[in-house]
Structure formats: structure tokens, C-alpha cells
N, C-alpha and C. Protein backbone atom coordinates (compact mmCIF):
# COMPACT_ATOMS: atom_id res chain seq x y z
N MET A 1 0.74 -1.16 0.01
CA MET A 1 0.04 -0.07 0.16
C MET A 1 0.74 1.25 -0.04
N VAL A 2 1.89 1.31 0.78
CA VAL A 2 2.80 2.37 0.93
C VAL A 2 3.45 2.61 -0.48
N ASP A 3 3.67 1.50 -1.15
CA ASP A 3 4.27 1.75 -2.50
C ASP A 3 3.35 2.32 -3.56
N LYS A 4 2.08 2.10 -3.42
CA LYS A 4 1.07 2.66 -4.11
C LYS A 4 1.10 4.19 -3.92
N VAL A 5 1.18 4.60 -2.66
CA VAL A 5 1.18 5.91 -2.27
C VAL A 5 2.44 6.67 -3.17
N THR A 6 3.59 6.07 -2.89
CA THR A 6 4.82 6.74 -3.51
C THR A 6 4.60 6.76 -4.98
N ASP A 7 4.14 5.71 -5.65
CA ASP A 7 3.98 5.60 -7.08
C ASP A 7 3.03 6.74 -7.57
N THR A 8 1.85 6.88 -6.94
CA THR A 8 1.03 7.88 -7.12
C THR A 8 1.58 9.34 -7.08
N LEU A 9 2.19 9.54 -5.88
CA LEU A 9 2.63 10.99 -5.57
C LEU A 9 3.76 11.19 -6.65
N GLU A 10 4.81 10.23 -6.97
CA GLU A 10 5.74 10.34 -7.89
C GLU A 10 5.22 10.70 -9.27
N MET A 11 4.24 9.86 -9.71
CA MET A 11 3.56 10.21 -11.06
C MET A 11 2.95 11.73 -11.11
N LEU A 12 2.41 12.22 -10.02
CA LEU A 12 1.69 13.40 -10.11
C LEU A 12 2.83 14.47 -10.03
N GLU A 13 3.99 14.31 -9.35
CA GLU A 13 5.01 15.17 -9.33
C GLU A 13 5.82 15.35 -10.79
N GLY A 14 5.76 14.17 -11.42
CA GLY A 14 6.13 14.41 -12.91
C GLY A 14 5.30 15.02 -13.85
N LEU A 15 3.95 14.94 -13.50
CA LEU A 15 2.98 15.79 -14.39
C LEU A 15 3.14 17.27 -14.07
N VAL A 16 3.46 17.53 -12.85
CA VAL A 16 3.71 18.98 -12.65
C VAL A 16 5.11 19.40 -13.27
N ARG A 17 6.10 18.54 -13.14
CA ARG A 17 7.37 19.00 -13.69
C ARG A 17 7.05 19.09 -15.37
N ASP A 18 6.27 18.29 -15.89
CA ASP A 18 5.96 18.35 -17.45
C ASP A 18 4.91 19.43 -17.76
N GLY A 19 4.45 20.17 -16.90
CA GLY A 19 3.61 21.26 -17.07
C GLY A 19 2.17 20.73 -17.32
N LYS A 20 1.95 19.55 -17.23
CA LYS A 20 0.64 18.95 -17.60
C LYS A 20 -0.53 19.35 -16.51
N ILE A 21 -0.13 19.58 -15.17
CA ILE A 21 -1.04 19.98 -14.21
C ILE A 21 -0.19 21.10 -13.49
N PRO A 22 -0.92 21.95 -12.97
CA PRO A 22 -0.24 23.12 -12.27
C PRO A 22 0.24 22.67 -10.87
N SER A 23 -0.55 21.90 -10.18
CA SER A 23 -0.04 21.34 -8.86
C SER A 23 -1.17 20.40 -8.47
N PHE A 24 -1.06 19.84 -7.23
CA PHE A 24 -1.90 19.06 -6.59
C PHE A 24 -2.01 19.16 -5.19
N SER A 25 -2.82 18.37 -4.51
CA SER A 25 -2.77 18.52 -3.06
C SER A 25 -3.32 17.13 -2.43
N VAL A 26 -2.95 16.74 -1.35
CA VAL A 26 -3.33 15.49 -0.78
C VAL A 26 -4.14 15.83 0.72
N SER A 27 -5.09 14.89 0.93
CA SER A 27 -5.73 15.08 2.22
C SER A 27 -5.78 13.52 2.78
N ILE A 28 -6.02 13.57 4.12
CA ILE A 28 -6.15 12.24 4.77
C ILE A 28 -7.39 12.26 5.45
N GLY A 29 -8.03 10.92 5.18
CA GLY A 29 -9.36 10.78 5.74
C GLY A 29 -9.86 9.54 5.44
N ASN A 30 -10.82 8.82 6.13
CA ASN A 30 -11.56 7.73 5.97
C ASN A 30 -10.61 6.58 5.61
N LYS A 31 -9.41 6.54 6.45
CA LYS A 31 -8.41 5.42 6.34
C LYS A 31 -7.84 5.38 4.85
N SER A 32 -7.83 6.53 4.36
CA SER A 32 -7.11 6.71 2.91
C SER A 32 -6.23 8.13 2.80
N LEU A 33 -5.51 8.21 1.74
CA LEU A 33 -5.26 9.32 1.20
C LEU A 33 -6.06 9.82 0.04
N ARG A 34 -6.34 11.06 -0.19
CA ARG A 34 -7.09 11.41 -1.38
C ARG A 34 -6.33 12.45 -2.05
N VAL A 35 -6.05 12.25 -3.29
CA VAL A 35 -5.04 13.09 -4.10
C VAL A 35 -5.84 13.80 -5.19
N LYS A 36 -5.66 15.11 -5.29
CA LYS A 36 -6.47 15.79 -6.27
C LYS A 36 -5.53 16.78 -7.11
N ALA A 37 -5.52 16.66 -8.46
CA ALA A 37 -4.80 17.65 -9.14
C ALA A 37 -5.61 18.91 -9.03
N ASP A 38 -5.01 20.05 -9.15
CA ASP A 38 -5.64 21.51 -8.93
C ASP A 38 -6.52 21.84 -10.03
N ASN A 39 -6.32 21.32 -11.27
CA ASN A 39 -6.97 21.61 -12.49
C ASN A 39 -8.13 20.44 -12.71
N SER A 40 -8.44 19.54 -11.82
CA SER A 40 -9.48 18.58 -11.91
C SER A 40 -10.36 18.31 -10.76
N ASN A 41 -11.48 17.85 -11.04
CA ASN A 41 -12.48 17.41 -9.91
C ASN A 41 -12.18 16.06 -9.53
N GLU A 42 -11.46 15.29 -10.31
CA GLU A 42 -11.14 13.79 -9.96
C GLU A 42 -10.32 13.68 -8.94
N VAL A 43 -10.64 12.67 -8.04
CA VAL A 43 -9.91 12.58 -6.80
C VAL A 43 -9.44 11.08 -6.79
N ARG A 44 -8.16 10.85 -6.57
CA ARG A 44 -7.64 9.50 -6.39
C ARG A 44 -7.53 8.99 -4.95
N THR A 45 -8.20 7.93 -4.66
CA THR A 45 -8.26 7.52 -3.25
C THR A 45 -7.44 6.31 -3.09
N ILE A 46 -6.43 6.36 -2.16
CA ILE A 46 -5.51 5.42 -1.88
C ILE A 46 -5.80 4.79 -0.47
N PRO A 47 -6.20 3.61 -0.39
CA PRO A 47 -6.49 3.01 0.96
C PRO A 47 -4.99 2.96 1.82
N LEU A 48 -5.32 3.04 2.99
CA LEU A 48 -3.98 2.85 3.96
C LEU A 48 -4.26 1.72 4.87
N ARG A 49 -3.35 1.05 5.43
CA ARG A 49 -3.33 0.26 6.47
C ARG A 49 -3.68 1.04 7.83
N ASP A 50 -4.28 0.42 8.77
CA ASP A 50 -4.58 1.11 10.12
C ASP A 50 -3.53 1.87 10.71
N GLU A 51 -2.39 1.35 10.82
CA GLU A 51 -1.22 1.87 11.51
C GLU A 51 -0.83 2.96 10.75
N ILE A 52 -0.77 2.95 9.60
CA ILE A 52 -0.21 4.01 8.79
C ILE A 52 -1.18 5.21 8.87
N TYR A 53 -2.39 4.92 8.63
CA TYR A 53 -3.51 5.94 8.71
C TYR A 53 -3.60 6.51 9.98
N ASP A 54 -3.43 5.81 11.05
CA ASP A 54 -3.47 6.44 12.53
C ASP A 54 -2.40 7.34 12.78
N SER A 55 -1.13 7.03 12.18
CA SER A 55 0.04 8.01 12.53
C SER A 55 -0.06 9.17 11.63
N LEU A 56 -0.43 9.07 10.43
CA LEU A 56 -0.68 10.27 9.60
C LEU A 56 -1.79 11.08 10.18
N HIS A 57 -2.99 10.48 10.52
CA HIS A 57 -3.99 11.25 10.93
C HIS A 57 -3.61 12.12 12.32
N THR A 58 -2.84 11.37 13.02
CA THR A 58 -2.42 12.20 14.42
C THR A 58 -1.48 13.29 14.04
N TYR A 59 -0.47 12.83 13.18
CA TYR A 59 0.51 13.88 12.86
C TYR A 59 0.07 15.20 12.02
N PHE A 60 -0.97 14.98 11.24
CA PHE A 60 -1.45 15.99 10.40
C PHE A 60 -2.94 16.51 10.87
N TYR A 61 -3.19 16.27 12.15
CA TYR A 61 -4.45 16.69 12.74
C TYR A 61 -4.75 18.06 12.52
N GLY A 62 -5.83 18.34 12.10
CA GLY A 62 -6.26 19.79 11.71
C GLY A 62 -5.84 20.21 10.33
N VAL A 63 -5.02 19.59 9.68
CA VAL A 63 -4.46 19.92 8.31
C VAL A 63 -5.55 19.40 7.07
N GLU A 64 -6.19 20.21 6.56
CA GLU A 64 -7.25 19.83 5.57
C GLU A 64 -6.60 19.18 4.31
N ASN A 65 -5.70 20.19 3.75
CA ASN A 65 -5.11 19.81 2.43
C ASN A 65 -3.54 19.94 2.66
N ILE A 66 -2.79 19.05 2.16
CA ILE A 66 -1.35 19.19 1.89
C ILE A 66 -0.93 19.53 0.58
N ALA A 67 -0.49 20.60 0.29
CA ALA A 67 -0.18 21.06 -1.00
C ALA A 67 1.17 20.79 -1.56
N TYR A 68 1.26 20.37 -2.76
CA TYR A 68 2.60 19.81 -3.29
C TYR A 68 3.48 21.11 -3.07
N ARG A 69 4.80 20.82 -2.81
CA ARG A 69 5.89 21.77 -2.55
C ARG A 69 5.72 22.61 -1.25
N SER A 70 4.89 22.11 -0.36
CA SER A 70 4.74 22.74 0.81
C SER A 70 5.55 22.08 2.02
N HIS A 71 5.86 22.67 3.17
CA HIS A 71 6.42 21.95 4.20
C HIS A 71 5.79 20.73 4.67
N ASP A 72 4.43 20.79 4.87
CA ASP A 72 3.72 19.61 5.21
C ASP A 72 3.94 18.45 4.03
N TYR A 73 3.86 18.83 2.88
CA TYR A 73 4.11 17.89 1.74
C TYR A 73 5.59 17.11 1.88
N SER A 74 6.60 17.82 2.34
CA SER A 74 7.90 17.21 2.51
C SER A 74 7.74 16.31 3.72
N SER A 75 7.12 16.74 4.74
CA SER A 75 6.95 15.91 5.99
C SER A 75 6.19 14.61 5.64
N LEU A 76 5.24 14.73 4.78
CA LEU A 76 4.41 13.58 4.22
C LEU A 76 5.32 12.61 3.59
N LYS A 77 6.09 13.11 2.73
CA LYS A 77 7.06 12.22 1.89
C LYS A 77 8.04 11.61 2.76
N SER A 78 8.60 12.47 3.68
CA SER A 78 9.70 11.87 4.47
C SER A 78 8.94 10.56 5.40
N PHE A 79 7.72 10.83 5.97
CA PHE A 79 7.06 9.84 6.75
C PHE A 79 6.89 8.56 5.85
N ILE A 80 6.44 8.82 4.58
CA ILE A 80 6.17 7.58 3.78
C ILE A 80 7.57 6.91 3.45
N HIS A 81 8.60 7.57 3.22
CA HIS A 81 9.95 6.99 2.94
C HIS A 81 10.43 6.24 4.09
N ALA A 82 10.23 6.85 5.25
CA ALA A 82 10.72 6.16 6.59
C ALA A 82 9.78 4.90 6.72
N ARG A 83 8.55 4.97 6.49
CA ARG A 83 7.77 3.74 6.63
C ARG A 83 8.16 2.46 5.62
N ILE A 84 8.55 3.03 4.35
CA ILE A 84 9.02 2.05 3.54
C ILE A 84 10.35 1.30 4.03
N MET A 85 11.30 2.18 4.56
CA MET A 85 12.49 1.54 4.93
C MET A 85 12.22 0.70 6.33
N LEU A 86 11.54 1.00 7.28
CA LEU A 86 11.06 0.31 8.33
C LEU A 86 10.43 -0.98 7.92
N ASP A 87 9.50 -0.99 6.92
CA ASP A 87 8.82 -2.32 6.24
C ASP A 87 9.96 -3.17 5.91
N LYS A 88 11.05 -2.64 5.08
CA LYS A 88 11.98 -3.40 4.49
C LYS A 88 12.99 -4.08 5.37
N MET A 89 13.22 -3.30 6.60
CA MET A 89 13.99 -3.80 7.64
C MET A 89 13.30 -4.98 8.35
N LEU A 90 12.04 -4.73 8.75
CA LEU A 90 11.41 -5.80 9.40
C LEU A 90 11.11 -7.08 8.70
N ASN A 91 11.09 -6.85 7.28
CA ASN A 91 10.91 -8.04 6.46
C ASN A 91 12.25 -8.79 6.24
N GLN A 92 13.37 -8.07 6.50
CA GLN A 92 14.73 -8.78 6.28
C GLN A 92 15.00 -9.41 7.68
N GLU A 93 14.49 -8.84 8.80
CA GLU A 93 14.64 -9.61 10.20
C GLU A 93 13.81 -10.86 10.11
N GLU A 94 12.53 -10.84 9.51
CA GLU A 94 11.68 -11.99 9.57
C GLU A 94 12.36 -13.14 8.66
N GLY A 95 13.25 -12.72 7.60
CA GLY A 95 13.75 -13.78 6.83
C GLY A 95 15.18 -14.42 7.45
N LEU A 96 15.54 -13.72 8.44
CA LEU A 96 16.84 -14.51 9.23
C LEU A 96 16.36 -15.61 10.08
């Protein structure tokens, strides 16, 4: 699931770089991330595992939207990357 979040965000970042969309925002709710391009009404919903949702919901409590290139967006990306690394380390330990 976290990989799907990363893939979706990277795809949208590429669309911004290529000038196909002006920007996008992310919101957290209903055990999912909702991602919306600024020039579209379409919302992509990415389901989250409970423990990831709970952590994000607590950290970003009171933040309605996380805009691309904002400080909150950088924090979201850092959290996601840290979670991916943690999952990889835990999977390696289980394999020992």
C-alpha cells in the first residue's frame, strides 16, 4: 500500500514537472489518502493500513489539505519513505 502512495505521488510530481497539471494536493481521511490535481475534480483514493492511517491522521491533525511543494508535503514524503524503510528492515529480520 505504501508503494502505491509513493508511485501515485511520483506520477503527479512528474505531471507538474512536465507542465501537464499546475499542482496537486493530498488530504487524509477515511483510512485513505485522497489526491487531487488542482485543475481537475477527479480525486484518487489510496487506501491505507490502519497503523499508517492512525500515524498520519495524528501527525496532520487539523490539516485539511497538503499542497505539493509545501512543508507539510515534505513531511508527508519523509514519513512515507521512513515507513518503506521500516517495512523493508522488518521483512529482512523475519527472513533471518
